[in-house]
Amino acid sequence: MDIQIIEHIKEKLQVVINCRQIDDEIMRLKYHIEMFDKKLQAKKDKE
C-alpha cells in the first residue's frame, strides 16, 4: 500500500491512497481520516 500526500495547505490535507485491494483495514483508515477531518472542521467553525 502506498500513501502519498499530494498537497498540504493549512486548511486542507489531501491524501491519496493507492492499494491493490480494499480491505477492512483500508476502510477503517479512511473512516478515521474522515472523522479527524470533521473534528478539525468543527473546531474551525467554532472560532
Protein backbone atom coordinates (compact mmCIF):
# COMPACT_ATOMS: atom_id res chain seq x y z
CA MET A 1 0.00 0.00 0.00
CA ASP A 2 1.33 3.41 -0.93
CA ILE A 3 0.18 6.51 0.88
CA GLN A 4 1.06 9.72 -0.84
CA ILE A 5 0.47 13.24 0.43
CA ILE A 6 -0.39 15.31 -2.63
CA GLU A 7 -0.91 18.73 -1.17
CA HIS A 8 -0.66 20.15 2.30
CA ILE A 9 -2.13 23.56 2.82
CA LYS A 10 -3.08 24.97 6.21
CA GLU A 11 -6.79 24.37 5.58
CA LYS A 12 -6.57 21.13 3.70
CA LEU A 13 -4.54 17.94 3.61
CA GLN A 14 -5.15 15.84 0.51
CA VAL A 15 -4.03 12.25 0.74
CA VAL A 16 -4.17 9.67 -2.00
CA ILE A 17 -4.04 6.03 -1.03
CA ASN A 18 -3.12 3.62 -3.80
CA CYS A 19 -3.73 0.00 -2.97
CA ARG A 20 -4.33 -3.16 -4.91
CA GLN A 21 -7.14 -4.32 -2.70
CA ILE A 22 -9.56 -2.53 -0.44
CA ASP A 23 -9.91 -4.40 2.81
CA ASP A 24 -11.26 -3.69 6.26
CA GLU A 25 -8.02 -2.04 7.34
CA ILE A 26 -8.17 0.45 4.47
CA MET A 27 -11.82 1.24 5.19
CA ARG A 28 -11.00 1.78 8.86
CA LEU A 29 -8.15 4.13 7.94
CA LYS A 30 -10.45 6.06 5.58
CA TYR A 31 -13.07 6.31 8.35
CA HIS A 32 -10.52 7.66 10.86
CA ILE A 33 -9.24 10.23 8.37
CA GLU A 34 -12.81 11.41 7.69
CA MET A 35 -13.63 11.64 11.42
CA PHE A 36 -10.41 13.58 12.05
CA ASP A 37 -11.31 15.92 9.19
CA LYS A 38 -14.81 16.51 10.63
CA LYS A 39 -13.36 17.28 14.07
CA LEU A 40 -10.96 19.80 12.55
CA GLN A 41 -13.79 21.42 10.61
CA ALA A 42 -15.99 21.62 13.72
CA LYS A 43 -13.14 23.19 15.66
CA LYS A 44 -12.60 25.73 12.88
CA ASP A 45 -16.33 26.54 12.75
CA LYS A 46 -16.35 27.39 16.46
CA GLU A 47 -13.67 30.05 16.03
